[in-house]
Amino acid sequence: MTITLISSQMERSMSDASRFANSAPSRPLREEEIELISSLLLETSYSGKLKDNLQSSRVIDMKDGGMGSIHFVRTEPRTLGKVLQEAQYTDADGICVSIALNADTAATYLK
């Protein structure tokens, strides 16, 4: 399971992505996603604030060719604020996997 950064346009409005997210079926986070995100948040100042919201968060699976990217569903337009945490690992197939946890300008999860 990966959470990957899809758009690197830091000032781009996420309105279009949010509309797409609202039209796709959403789901709760899987337990392994909650564990991964929680571990990524441990070394950030956002750990408590954002971690508490994971159980009630809704996400959509992004159309990313099977990489496992997810987008947190919100109804209001959002703008990418900052990357909260990044990590890399090599999977069982020897492929380098990049993980990025992003927040919007209101410090809520984005991707």
C-alpha atoms as a PDB file:
ATOM      1  CA  MET A   1       0.000   0.000   0.000  1.00  0.00           C
ATOM      2  CA  THR A   2       1.349   3.409  -0.916  1.00  0.00           C
ATOM      3  CA  ILE A   3       0.241   6.974  -0.598  1.00  0.00           C
ATOM      4  CA  THR A   4       1.881   8.876  -3.413  1.00  0.00           C
ATOM      5  CA  LEU A   5       2.121  12.495  -4.454  1.00  0.00           C
ATOM      6  CA  ILE A   6       0.402  12.875  -7.789  1.00  0.00           C
ATOM      7  CA  SER A   7       0.467  16.650  -8.361  1.00  0.00           C
ATOM      8  CA  SER A   8       3.553  18.715  -7.644  1.00  0.00           C
ATOM      9  CA  GLN A   9       1.859  22.025  -8.464  1.00  0.00           C
ATOM     10  CA  MET A  10       2.070  23.647  -5.024  1.00  0.00           C
ATOM     11  CA  GLU A  11      -0.215  26.607  -5.724  1.00  0.00           C
ATOM     12  CA  ARG A  12      -2.796  24.761  -7.790  1.00  0.00           C
ATOM     13  CA  SER A  13      -6.331  24.758  -6.429  1.00  0.00           C
ATOM     14  CA  MET A  14      -7.590  21.315  -5.565  1.00  0.00           C
ATOM     15  CA  SER A  15     -11.155  22.209  -6.585  1.00  0.00           C
ATOM     16  CA  ASP A  16     -11.045  19.982  -9.653  1.00  0.00           C
ATOM     17  CA  ALA A  17      -9.612  17.063  -7.703  1.00  0.00           C
ATOM     18  CA  SER A  18     -12.198  17.570  -4.964  1.00  0.00           C
ATOM     19  CA  ARG A  19     -15.034  17.484  -7.478  1.00  0.00           C
ATOM     20  CA  PHE A  20     -13.586  14.285  -8.935  1.00  0.00           C
ATOM     21  CA  ALA A  21     -13.263  12.869  -5.433  1.00  0.00           C
ATOM     22  CA  ASN A  22     -16.875  13.679  -4.633  1.00  0.00           C
ATOM     23  CA  SER A  23     -18.110  11.897  -7.758  1.00  0.00           C
ATOM     24  CA  ALA A  24     -16.154   8.692  -7.075  1.00  0.00           C
ATOM     25  CA  PRO A  25     -17.213   6.175  -4.427  1.00  0.00           C
ATOM     26  CA  SER A  26     -15.480   6.881  -1.133  1.00  0.00           C
ATOM     27  CA  ARG A  27     -14.453   4.410   1.527  1.00  0.00           C
ATOM     28  CA  PRO A  28     -12.989   4.457   5.028  1.00  0.00           C
ATOM     29  CA  LEU A  29      -9.247   4.057   5.433  1.00  0.00           C
ATOM     30  CA  ARG A  30      -7.997   0.485   5.670  1.00  0.00           C
ATOM     31  CA  GLU A  31      -6.239  -0.483   8.890  1.00  0.00           C
ATOM     32  CA  GLU A  32      -2.858  -0.730   7.141  1.00  0.00           C
ATOM     33  CA  GLU A  33      -3.346   2.779   5.707  1.00  0.00           C
ATOM     34  CA  ILE A  34      -4.130   4.138   9.175  1.00  0.00           C
ATOM     35  CA  GLU A  35      -0.997   2.457  10.545  1.00  0.00           C
ATOM     36  CA  LEU A  36       1.186   3.842   7.750  1.00  0.00           C
ATOM     37  CA  ILE A  37      -0.174   7.385   8.027  1.00  0.00           C
ATOM     38  CA  SER A  38       0.102   7.279  11.834  1.00  0.00           C
ATOM     39  CA  SER A  39       3.732   6.204  11.618  1.00  0.00           C
ATOM     40  CA  LEU A  40       4.482   8.971   9.086  1.00  0.00           C
ATOM     41  CA  LEU A  41       2.905  11.539  11.407  1.00  0.00           C
ATOM     42  CA  LEU A  42       4.922  10.528  14.483  1.00  0.00           C
ATOM     43  CA  GLU A  43       7.768  12.897  13.679  1.00  0.00           C
ATOM     44  CA  THR A  44       5.591  15.877  12.730  1.00  0.00           C
ATOM     45  CA  SER A  45       3.954  18.630  14.742  1.00  0.00           C
ATOM     46  CA  TYR A  46       0.599  17.542  13.263  1.00  0.00           C
ATOM     47  CA  SER A  47       0.601  14.106  14.885  1.00  0.00           C
ATOM     48  CA  GLY A  48      -2.163  14.629  17.454  1.00  0.00           C
ATOM     49  CA  LYS A  49      -4.421  16.895  15.421  1.00  0.00           C
ATOM     50  CA  LEU A  50      -4.516  14.812  12.272  1.00  0.00           C
ATOM     51  CA  LYS A  51      -4.158  11.328  13.734  1.00  0.00           C
ATOM     52  CA  ASP A  52      -7.416  11.742  15.665  1.00  0.00           C
ATOM     53  CA  ASN A  53      -9.310  12.200  12.394  1.00  0.00           C
ATOM     54  CA  LEU A  54      -8.065   9.053  10.655  1.00  0.00           C
ATOM     55  CA  GLN A  55     -10.806   6.698  11.864  1.00  0.00           C
ATOM     56  CA  SER A  56     -13.555   8.928  10.458  1.00  0.00           C
ATOM     57  CA  SER A  57     -11.748   9.949   7.247  1.00  0.00           C
ATOM     58  CA  ARG A  58     -13.155   9.028   3.859  1.00  0.00           C
ATOM     59  CA  VAL A  59     -10.889   8.488   0.856  1.00  0.00           C
ATOM     60  CA  ILE A  60     -11.088   7.554  -2.793  1.00  0.00           C
ATOM     61  CA  ASP A  61      -8.657   5.361  -4.658  1.00  0.00           C
ATOM     62  CA  MET A  62      -7.023   7.502  -7.313  1.00  0.00           C
ATOM     63  CA  LYS A  63      -6.711   6.329 -10.906  1.00  0.00           C
ATOM     64  CA  ASP A  64      -2.926   5.984 -10.838  1.00  0.00           C
ATOM     65  CA  GLY A  65      -2.274   2.740 -12.657  1.00  0.00           C
ATOM     66  CA  GLY A  66      -2.458   0.624  -9.522  1.00  0.00           C
ATOM     67  CA  MET A  67       0.139   2.501  -7.429  1.00  0.00           C
ATOM     68  CA  GLY A  68      -2.233   2.746  -4.455  1.00  0.00           C
ATOM     69  CA  SER A  69      -2.642   6.514  -4.203  1.00  0.00           C
ATOM     70  CA  ILE A  70      -5.553   7.812  -2.159  1.00  0.00           C
ATOM     71  CA  HIS A  71      -7.234  11.213  -1.918  1.00  0.00           C
ATOM     72  CA  PHE A  72      -8.975  12.389   1.262  1.00  0.00           C
ATOM     73  CA  VAL A  73     -12.540  13.455   0.486  1.00  0.00           C
ATOM     74  CA  ARG A  74     -13.736  16.922   1.516  1.00  0.00           C
ATOM     75  CA  THR A  75     -16.632  18.966   0.168  1.00  0.00           C
ATOM     76  CA  GLU A  76     -14.930  22.374   0.152  1.00  0.00           C
ATOM     77  CA  PRO A  77     -12.300  23.467  -2.398  1.00  0.00           C
ATOM     78  CA  ARG A  78      -8.746  23.038  -1.135  1.00  0.00           C
ATOM     79  CA  THR A  79      -5.243  24.156  -2.023  1.00  0.00           C
ATOM     80  CA  LEU A  80      -2.137  22.067  -1.501  1.00  0.00           C
ATOM     81  CA  GLY A  81      -0.379  23.484   1.530  1.00  0.00           C
ATOM     82  CA  LYS A  82       2.668  21.368   2.267  1.00  0.00           C
ATOM     83  CA  VAL A  83       4.200  17.935   2.312  1.00  0.00           C
ATOM     84  CA  LEU A  84       3.923  16.649   5.880  1.00  0.00           C
ATOM     85  CA  GLN A  85       6.194  13.659   5.486  1.00  0.00           C
ATOM     86  CA  GLU A  86       7.943  11.643   2.784  1.00  0.00           C
ATOM     87  CA  ALA A  87       9.430   8.171   2.811  1.00  0.00           C
ATOM     88  CA  GLN A  88      10.836   5.585   0.407  1.00  0.00           C
ATOM     89  CA  TYR A  89      11.325   1.861   0.485  1.00  0.00           C
ATOM     90  CA  THR A  90      12.113  -0.946  -1.919  1.00  0.00           C
ATOM     91  CA  ASP A  91       9.272  -3.409  -2.357  1.00  0.00           C
ATOM     92  CA  ALA A  92       9.494  -7.182  -2.838  1.00  0.00           C
ATOM     93  CA  ASP A  93       9.898  -6.714  -6.607  1.00  0.00           C
ATOM     94  CA  GLY A  94      12.883  -4.409  -6.150  1.00  0.00           C
ATOM     95  CA  ILE A  95      10.885  -1.316  -7.111  1.00  0.00           C
ATOM     96  CA  CYS A  96      11.538   1.923  -5.206  1.00  0.00           C
ATOM     97  CA  VAL A  97       8.256   3.097  -3.683  1.00  0.00           C
ATOM     98  CA  SER A  98       7.843   6.779  -2.835  1.00  0.00           C
ATOM     99  CA  ILE A  99       5.345   7.835  -0.163  1.00  0.00           C
ATOM    100  CA  ALA A 100       4.236  11.418   0.402  1.00  0.00           C
ATOM    101  CA  LEU A 101       1.634  12.595   2.900  1.00  0.00           C
ATOM    102  CA  ASN A 102       0.322  16.025   1.915  1.00  0.00           C
ATOM    103  CA  ALA A 103      -1.889  18.525   3.716  1.00  0.00           C
ATOM    104  CA  ASP A 104      -3.989  21.380   2.426  1.00  0.00           C
ATOM    105  CA  THR A 105      -3.584  24.969   3.616  1.00  0.00           C
ATOM    106  CA  ALA A 106      -5.986  24.298   6.524  1.00  0.00           C
ATOM    107  CA  ALA A 107      -3.712  21.454   7.700  1.00  0.00           C
ATOM    108  CA  THR A 108      -6.153  18.686   6.842  1.00  0.00           C
ATOM    109  CA  TYR A 109      -5.137  15.674   4.790  1.00  0.00           C
ATOM    110  CA  LEU A 110      -5.111  16.028   1.085  1.00  0.00           C
ATOM    111  CA  LYS A 111      -3.395  13.008  -0.525  1.00  0.00           C
END
